[in-house]
C-alpha cells in the first residue's frame, strides 16, 4: 500500500498535491512518501517479530540521507556496498553494529573505514577477499567479523540482470567450496567467523526460490557447525518484489511465516536486506510534457525527464505505471511512446502505452520510482540531476537540491595548455 491517491481528480502524496510540488521545485522531480516508507519498514520488521532478527535496509535502493535518517530512527540497520554508503549511513545516525558490508569488490579504504566504525560483519564474496580483509585487519590490530556470501545456484525467477544466485553470476562463493573456505577463515588470526549470507536476486515475486535457498543454506550450516564453527547470524539478503504492473508478490507476513518456520529451534539471528520492498512504491518521479510529436507510424510524448533521471526502463525494459497529475475526464486516449530528451534510442519511459492525451505543460507522474531511481541517476548529456522532496502528512521538505550548472563542472579543471597545443 502507498499514500499516493487522487482527490477530486488531482494526485496527492499524502496530504500534499503533487502539482504544487512540481510548481515549487520544478521537474523532473522525485517525491517520496514518508508514511509509506515507514509503513513498509514496520510491516517487514513486524513480520519477523517472533524471531531474533535485524532488518538492514539496502542503501543502494535509495541512498538519500534524509530517508536513511528516518529509517535509522525507526530502528533499521543498513546493508552497504561502499565506503560512500557507509559514510551516508553513519551521517544519517546509523548504529555501526547494525551495518553489514556486502559487495564483490571491497577496497582497502572500504575495509579500513568499516573496521574503524565497528560494523556488524563483512559479507565476503571470494577467497581472495577473505585473505585481503585478514591482512588489513591485522595491520590495524583488529579482528574482522565475517560471513561468506554463498551462491546456492537457485533460480530466483526474475530478470536476468538482477539475478545474483546462479553459478554464472559474479556474486558469492560456490556452494560446493563453502565448507573448505569456512575452515580456512576459522584458522586466520584476524578473522572472526560469525555468520553465513545468501542473496539470490531482486524483484522476486514467489516464495519458492527463497525456500529452496534456505533449505540449502541450512544443510551447509549443519556441516559448518560440525567443524566447531558457530554460526550466529544468517543473512538472507533482500529481493522481495513489489507490484509495478500486475505482479502479485507475497506480503512480508507470508514471507516471514515460511522463513521463521524454516529456522524454528535453531537459535540464530536472522538478518534481512530489503530495499525495493521498502522504498519502491514510496516514490514517484514527476515530469513535464514538452512536446507532442507524430511520425508516420508513431505518436510520441516528449517529456523533460530522461533515462539519466530514471534508468530502469532503458536498462531492463521495466514497466512503470504513468498517470496524469491532473485528470481530464474528456481527454481522448492515445497509444504513444513516452520519451525523454537524451540522445539515445533507449531513452524512454513507456512504449506503445495507452494514456489520456496530455497537453504541453501537463505533469505526468511515473509511479513506483522510489527504488533504483535517483540512486542510479547520472549527469549523462550534461543534464542536471533532479531535486528530491520528502512528504510527511501535510508537510514537505526539499531533501536534495537540483544540480546547478556549476555542479556539472565542480570537480573538473582545465590544464595550462601553453606551449602544448
Foldseek 3Di string as FASTA:
>chain_A
DAQWDDDPQFTDHFAHTVVVVCVVANPQEKEFEPVLLLVLVCQLVVLQVVAFAAEAAECLFPPQLVSLLSVVVVPHHHEEAAVVSVVSNVVSPHQQQRYEYEYADYDLVRLVVSVVSPHNAYAYADLVVLVVSLVSQVVVVAAGEYAYAEQAQFDLPDFPVFFARHPPHSGTDYLVCRLVSLVVQVPRPRYQYAAYEYEGGAQRQDLVSLVVVLVSVVVVQVVNVVVVRDHAEYEHEEHQHDDQDPGHHDRSNVNSVVVCVSCPPVNHYYYYHYYLSSFQQRMKTKWFFADWDDDPPFTEGETADWCLQFVCCLVRVDAWDKAFSGDDPPFDWDFHWYAYDDPDPSTTRDHRDIYRDDDGGTMMMTGRQGTRGRSRHDCPVPNWHHWYWYDYNHDIDGSGHIDDSCNSCVPPDDDPCVPPD
